[in-house]
Amino acid sequence: MPIPIDLPPSQEKRLRDEAQRLGVSAEALAQVAVEDLLDSSEADFERAASLVLKKNRELYDRLS
């Protein structure tokens, strides 16, 4: 699904420069960056939730 975005000229230049350095299109680099952001957000949440549950397991056991 195409989602057009407007970038300030300085960000567009940075995106194009980095894409050229990596040998990919700016569009492909942007798509991978969005995928990484969405994947890492879910992984970060799961990691934080797991840490909280593990840290508070004893408390939860006493309260139940």
PDB file of N, CA and C in Angstrom:
ATOM      1  N   MET A   1       0.844  -1.160   0.000  1.00  0.00           N
ATOM      2  CA  MET A   1       0.000   0.000   0.000  1.00  0.00           C
ATOM      3  C   MET A   1       0.897   1.234   0.000  1.00  0.00           C
ATOM      4  N   PRO A   2       0.817   2.015  -1.019  1.00  0.00           N
ATOM      5  CA  PRO A   2       1.628   3.231  -1.063  1.00  0.00           C
ATOM      6  C   PRO A   2       1.121   4.274  -0.071  1.00  0.00           C
ATOM      7  N   ILE A   3       2.032   4.850   0.677  1.00  0.00           N
ATOM      8  CA  ILE A   3       1.711   5.934   1.601  1.00  0.00           C
ATOM      9  C   ILE A   3       2.684   7.068   1.303  1.00  0.00           C
ATOM     10  N   PRO A   4       2.209   8.083   0.607  1.00  0.00           N
ATOM     11  CA  PRO A   4       3.114   9.201   0.305  1.00  0.00           C
ATOM     12  C   PRO A   4       3.424  10.008   1.568  1.00  0.00           C
ATOM     13  N   ILE A   5       4.658  10.421   1.697  1.00  0.00           N
ATOM     14  CA  ILE A   5       5.042  11.269   2.825  1.00  0.00           C
ATOM     15  C   ILE A   5       5.831  12.461   2.287  1.00  0.00           C
ATOM     16  N   ASP A   6       5.707  13.574   2.969  1.00  0.00           N
ATOM     17  CA  ASP A   6       6.475  14.761   2.623  1.00  0.00           C
ATOM     18  C   ASP A   6       7.604  14.909   3.627  1.00  0.00           C
ATOM     19  N   LEU A   7       8.815  14.967   3.113  1.00  0.00           N
ATOM     20  CA  LEU A   7       9.975  15.167   3.968  1.00  0.00           C
ATOM     21  C   LEU A   7      10.528  16.561   3.719  1.00  0.00           C
ATOM     22  N   PRO A   8      11.042  17.185   4.761  1.00  0.00           N
ATOM     23  CA  PRO A   8      11.754  18.430   4.528  1.00  0.00           C
ATOM     24  C   PRO A   8      12.944  18.151   3.597  1.00  0.00           C
ATOM     25  N   PRO A   9      13.347  19.124   2.816  1.00  0.00           N
ATOM     26  CA  PRO A   9      14.449  18.902   1.869  1.00  0.00           C
ATOM     27  C   PRO A   9      15.712  18.323   2.507  1.00  0.00           C
ATOM     28  N   SER A  10      16.039  18.746   3.715  1.00  0.00           N
ATOM     29  CA  SER A  10      17.258  18.233   4.356  1.00  0.00           C
ATOM     30  C   SER A  10      17.131  16.739   4.666  1.00  0.00           C
ATOM     31  N   GLN A  11      15.947  16.293   5.108  1.00  0.00           N
ATOM     32  CA  GLN A  11      15.755  14.869   5.384  1.00  0.00           C
ATOM     33  C   GLN A  11      15.721  14.061   4.095  1.00  0.00           C
ATOM     34  N   GLU A  12      15.105  14.608   3.069  1.00  0.00           N
ATOM     35  CA  GLU A  12      15.076  13.905   1.787  1.00  0.00           C
ATOM     36  C   GLU A  12      16.487  13.712   1.256  1.00  0.00           C
ATOM     37  N   LYS A  13      17.314  14.732   1.384  1.00  0.00           N
ATOM     38  CA  LYS A  13      18.705  14.617   0.924  1.00  0.00           C
ATOM     39  C   LYS A  13      19.451  13.562   1.720  1.00  0.00           C
ATOM     40  N   ARG A  14      19.263  13.553   3.035  1.00  0.00           N
ATOM     41  CA  ARG A  14      19.933  12.546   3.870  1.00  0.00           C
ATOM     42  C   ARG A  14      19.480  11.143   3.500  1.00  0.00           C
ATOM     43  N   LEU A  15      18.169  10.981   3.261  1.00  0.00           N
ATOM     44  CA  LEU A  15      17.629   9.680   2.873  1.00  0.00           C
ATOM     45  C   LEU A  15      18.225   9.233   1.546  1.00  0.00           C
ATOM     46  N   ARG A  16      18.246  10.124   0.564  1.00  0.00           N
ATOM     47  CA  ARG A  16      18.794   9.775  -0.750  1.00  0.00           C
ATOM     48  C   ARG A  16      20.292   9.497  -0.681  1.00  0.00           C
ATOM     49  N   ASP A  17      21.011  10.285   0.095  1.00  0.00           N
ATOM     50  CA  ASP A  17      22.458  10.061   0.245  1.00  0.00           C
ATOM     51  C   ASP A  17      22.742   8.700   0.884  1.00  0.00           C
ATOM     52  N   GLU A  18      21.995   8.380   1.926  1.00  0.00           N
ATOM     53  CA  GLU A  18      22.206   7.093   2.613  1.00  0.00           C
ATOM     54  C   GLU A  18      21.809   5.933   1.711  1.00  0.00           C
ATOM     55  N   ALA A  19      20.715   6.086   0.980  1.00  0.00           N
ATOM     56  CA  ALA A  19      20.290   5.034   0.055  1.00  0.00           C
ATOM     57  C   ALA A  19      21.349   4.807  -1.021  1.00  0.00           C
ATOM     58  N   GLN A  20      21.899   5.895  -1.542  1.00  0.00           N
ATOM     59  CA  GLN A  20      22.943   5.771  -2.565  1.00  0.00           C
ATOM     60  C   GLN A  20      24.171   5.080  -1.983  1.00  0.00           C
ATOM     61  N   ARG A  21      24.535   5.436  -0.760  1.00  0.00           N
ATOM     62  CA  ARG A  21      25.687   4.802  -0.106  1.00  0.00           C
ATOM     63  C   ARG A  21      25.473   3.299   0.044  1.00  0.00           C
ATOM     64  N   LEU A  22      24.229   2.908   0.325  1.00  0.00           N
ATOM     65  CA  LEU A  22      23.914   1.492   0.514  1.00  0.00           C
ATOM     66  C   LEU A  22      23.594   0.765  -0.788  1.00  0.00           C
ATOM     67  N   GLY A  23      23.443   1.529  -1.865  1.00  0.00           N
ATOM     68  CA  GLY A  23      23.166   0.912  -3.164  1.00  0.00           C
ATOM     69  C   GLY A  23      21.725   0.464  -3.330  1.00  0.00           C
ATOM     70  N   VAL A  24      20.802   1.171  -2.680  1.00  0.00           N
ATOM     71  CA  VAL A  24      19.382   0.857  -2.809  1.00  0.00           C
ATOM     72  C   VAL A  24      18.628   2.142  -3.135  1.00  0.00           C
ATOM     73  N   SER A  25      17.362   1.995  -3.495  1.00  0.00           N
ATOM     74  CA  SER A  25      16.556   3.183  -3.762  1.00  0.00           C
ATOM     75  C   SER A  25      16.158   3.830  -2.436  1.00  0.00           C
ATOM     76  N   ALA A  26      15.860   5.114  -2.507  1.00  0.00           N
ATOM     77  CA  ALA A  26      15.396   5.819  -1.306  1.00  0.00           C
ATOM     78  C   ALA A  26      14.094   5.209  -0.807  1.00  0.00           C
ATOM     79  N   GLU A  27      13.236   4.800  -1.734  1.00  0.00           N
ATOM     80  CA  GLU A  27      11.960   4.195  -1.349  1.00  0.00           C
ATOM     81  C   GLU A  27      12.176   2.878  -0.611  1.00  0.00           C
ATOM     82  N   ALA A  28      13.104   2.063  -1.096  1.00  0.00           N
ATOM     83  CA  ALA A  28      13.386   0.781  -0.443  1.00  0.00           C
ATOM     84  C   ALA A  28      13.959   1.005   0.952  1.00  0.00           C
ATOM     85  N   LEU A  29      14.842   1.975   1.082  1.00  0.00           N
ATOM     86  CA  LEU A  29      15.425   2.276   2.390  1.00  0.00           C
ATOM     87  C   LEU A  29      14.349   2.762   3.357  1.00  0.00           C
ATOM     88  N   ALA A  30      13.459   3.619   2.887  1.00  0.00           N
ATOM     89  CA  ALA A  30      12.379   4.104   3.744  1.00  0.00           C
ATOM     90  C   ALA A  30      11.475   2.961   4.176  1.00  0.00           C
ATOM     91  N   GLN A  31      11.176   2.042   3.259  1.00  0.00           N
ATOM     92  CA  GLN A  31      10.310   0.908   3.593  1.00  0.00           C
ATOM     93  C   GLN A  31      10.963   0.027   4.655  1.00  0.00           C
ATOM     94  N   VAL A  32      12.237  -0.247   4.503  1.00  0.00           N
ATOM     95  CA  VAL A  32      12.940  -1.077   5.481  1.00  0.00           C
ATOM     96  C   VAL A  32      13.004  -0.373   6.833  1.00  0.00           C
ATOM     97  N   ALA A  33      13.193   0.941   6.818  1.00  0.00           N
ATOM     98  CA  ALA A  33      13.245   1.692   8.069  1.00  0.00           C
ATOM     99  C   ALA A  33      11.906   1.613   8.804  1.00  0.00           C
ATOM    100  N   VAL A  34      10.810   1.720   8.072  1.00  0.00           N
ATOM    101  CA  VAL A  34       9.483   1.618   8.693  1.00  0.00           C
ATOM    102  C   VAL A  34       9.262   0.212   9.233  1.00  0.00           C
ATOM    103  N   GLU A  35       9.626  -0.803   8.463  1.00  0.00           N
ATOM    104  CA  GLU A  35       9.485  -2.192   8.933  1.00  0.00           C
ATOM    105  C   GLU A  35      10.280  -2.404  10.214  1.00  0.00           C
ATOM    106  N   ASP A  36      11.507  -1.884  10.249  1.00  0.00           N
ATOM    107  CA  ASP A  36      12.350  -2.028  11.427  1.00  0.00           C
ATOM    108  C   ASP A  36      11.726  -1.335  12.627  1.00  0.00           C
ATOM    109  N   LEU A  37      11.192  -0.150  12.422  1.00  0.00           N
ATOM    110  CA  LEU A  37      10.545   0.581  13.502  1.00  0.00           C
ATOM    111  C   LEU A  37       9.360  -0.199  14.052  1.00  0.00           C
ATOM    112  N   LEU A  38       8.523  -0.711  13.179  1.00  0.00           N
ATOM    113  CA  LEU A  38       7.343  -1.449  13.629  1.00  0.00           C
ATOM    114  C   LEU A  38       7.726  -2.744  14.320  1.00  0.00           C
ATOM    115  N   ASP A  39       8.702  -3.452  13.803  1.00  0.00           N
ATOM    116  CA  ASP A  39       9.139  -4.698  14.421  1.00  0.00           C
ATOM    117  C   ASP A  39       9.810  -4.446  15.766  1.00  0.00           C
ATOM    118  N   SER A  40      10.652  -3.429  15.845  1.00  0.00           N
ATOM    119  CA  SER A  40      11.368  -3.185  17.094  1.00  0.00           C
ATOM    120  C   SER A  40      10.438  -2.681  18.176  1.00  0.00           C
ATOM    121  N   SER A  41       9.415  -1.935  17.825  1.00  0.00           N
ATOM    122  CA  SER A  41       8.473  -1.455  18.825  1.00  0.00           C
ATOM    123  C   SER A  41       7.771  -2.629  19.497  1.00  0.00           C
ATOM    124  N   GLU A  42       7.359  -3.607  18.708  1.00  0.00           N
ATOM    125  CA  GLU A  42       6.697  -4.788  19.265  1.00  0.00           C
ATOM    126  C   GLU A  42       7.668  -5.586  20.130  1.00  0.00           C
ATOM    127  N   ALA A  43       8.886  -5.759  19.644  1.00  0.00           N
ATOM    128  CA  ALA A  43       9.880  -6.516  20.402  1.00  0.00           C
ATOM    129  C   ALA A  43      10.240  -5.784  21.695  1.00  0.00           C
ATOM    130  N   ASP A  44      10.378  -4.465  21.631  1.00  0.00           N
ATOM    131  CA  ASP A  44      10.693  -3.693  22.826  1.00  0.00           C
ATOM    132  C   ASP A  44       9.579  -3.811  23.861  1.00  0.00           C
ATOM    133  N   PHE A  45       8.323  -3.746  23.404  1.00  0.00           N
ATOM    134  CA  PHE A  45       7.198  -3.869  24.328  1.00  0.00           C
ATOM    135  C   PHE A  45       7.199  -5.246  24.983  1.00  0.00           C
ATOM    136  N   GLU A  46       7.378  -6.290  24.189  1.00  0.00           N
ATOM    137  CA  GLU A  46       7.368  -7.648  24.733  1.00  0.00           C
ATOM    138  C   GLU A  46       8.503  -7.846  25.727  1.00  0.00           C
ATOM    139  N   ARG A  47       9.668  -7.300  25.429  1.00  0.00           N
ATOM    140  CA  ARG A  47      10.817  -7.425  26.327  1.00  0.00           C
ATOM    141  C   ARG A  47      10.532  -6.692  27.643  1.00  0.00           C
ATOM    142  N   ALA A  48       9.962  -5.488  27.564  1.00  0.00           N
ATOM    143  CA  ALA A  48       9.652  -4.719  28.768  1.00  0.00           C
ATOM    144  C   ALA A  48       8.574  -5.415  29.592  1.00  0.00           C
ATOM    145  N   ALA A  49       7.545  -5.908  28.933  1.00  0.00           N
ATOM    146  CA  ALA A  49       6.465  -6.595  29.645  1.00  0.00           C
ATOM    147  C   ALA A  49       6.989  -7.844  30.336  1.00  0.00           C
ATOM    148  N   SER A  50       7.832  -8.593  29.667  1.00  0.00           N
ATOM    149  CA  SER A  50       8.408  -9.798  30.251  1.00  0.00           C
ATOM    150  C   SER A  50       9.253  -9.461  31.474  1.00  0.00           C
ATOM    151  N   LEU A  51      10.040  -8.393  31.375  1.00  0.00           N
ATOM    152  CA  LEU A  51      10.879  -7.977  32.498  1.00  0.00           C
ATOM    153  C   LEU A  51      10.026  -7.580  33.703  1.00  0.00           C
ATOM    154  N   VAL A  52       8.950  -6.826  33.465  1.00  0.00           N
ATOM    155  CA  VAL A  52       8.071  -6.403  34.561  1.00  0.00           C
ATOM    156  C   VAL A  52       7.404  -7.614  35.196  1.00  0.00           C
ATOM    157  N   LEU A  53       6.906  -8.523  34.380  1.00  0.00           N
ATOM    158  CA  LEU A  53       6.252  -9.715  34.936  1.00  0.00           C
ATOM    159  C   LEU A  53       7.234 -10.561  35.739  1.00  0.00           C
ATOM    160  N   LYS A  54       8.434 -10.736  35.224  1.00  0.00           N
ATOM    161  CA  LYS A  54       9.439 -11.531  35.923  1.00  0.00           C
ATOM    162  C   LYS A  54       9.840 -10.861  37.231  1.00  0.00           C
ATOM    163  N   LYS A  55      10.047  -9.553  37.184  1.00  0.00           N
ATOM    164  CA  LYS A  55      10.473  -8.807  38.357  1.00  0.00           C
ATOM    165  C   LYS A  55       9.413  -8.838  39.451  1.00  0.00           C
ATOM    166  N   ASN A  56       8.145  -8.804  39.062  1.00  0.00           N
ATOM    167  CA  ASN A  56       7.060  -8.722  40.037  1.00  0.00           C
ATOM    168  C   ASN A  56       6.340 -10.040  40.273  1.00  0.00           C
ATOM    169  N   ARG A  57       6.860 -11.138  39.757  1.00  0.00           N
ATOM    170  CA  ARG A  57       6.200 -12.434  39.888  1.00  0.00           C
ATOM    171  C   ARG A  57       5.923 -12.782  41.347  1.00  0.00           C
ATOM    172  N   GLU A  58       6.901 -12.587  42.221  1.00  0.00           N
ATOM    173  CA  GLU A  58       6.717 -12.920  43.632  1.00  0.00           C
ATOM    174  C   GLU A  58       5.600 -12.077  44.242  1.00  0.00           C
ATOM    175  N   LEU A  59       5.561 -10.802  43.924  1.00  0.00           N
ATOM    176  CA  LEU A  59       4.506  -9.938  44.424  1.00  0.00           C
ATOM    177  C   LEU A  59       3.138 -10.394  43.931  1.00  0.00           C
ATOM    178  N   TYR A  60       3.058 -10.724  42.661  1.00  0.00           N
ATOM    179  CA  TYR A  60       1.795 -11.189  42.095  1.00  0.00           C
ATOM    180  C   TYR A  60       1.348 -12.496  42.775  1.00  0.00           C
ATOM    181  N   ASP A  61       2.295 -13.386  43.071  1.00  0.00           N
ATOM    182  CA  ASP A  61       1.957 -14.637  43.738  1.00  0.00           C
ATOM    183  C   ASP A  61       1.408 -14.364  45.141  1.00  0.00           C
ATOM    184  N   ARG A  62       2.007 -13.419  45.848  1.00  0.00           N
ATOM    185  CA  ARG A  62       1.533 -13.114  47.199  1.00  0.00           C
ATOM    186  C   ARG A  62       0.162 -12.461  47.163  1.00  0.00           C
ATOM    187  N   LEU A  63      -0.133 -11.691  46.147  1.00  0.00           N
ATOM    188  CA  LEU A  63      -1.426 -11.003  46.065  1.00  0.00           C
ATOM    189  C   LEU A  63      -2.560 -11.929  45.630  1.00  0.00           C
ATOM    190  N   SER A  64      -2.226 -13.039  45.003  1.00  0.00           N
ATOM    191  CA  SER A  64      -3.296 -13.907  44.511  1.00  0.00           C
ATOM    192  C   SER A  64      -3.773 -14.898  45.547  1.00  0.00           C
TER     193      SER A  64
END
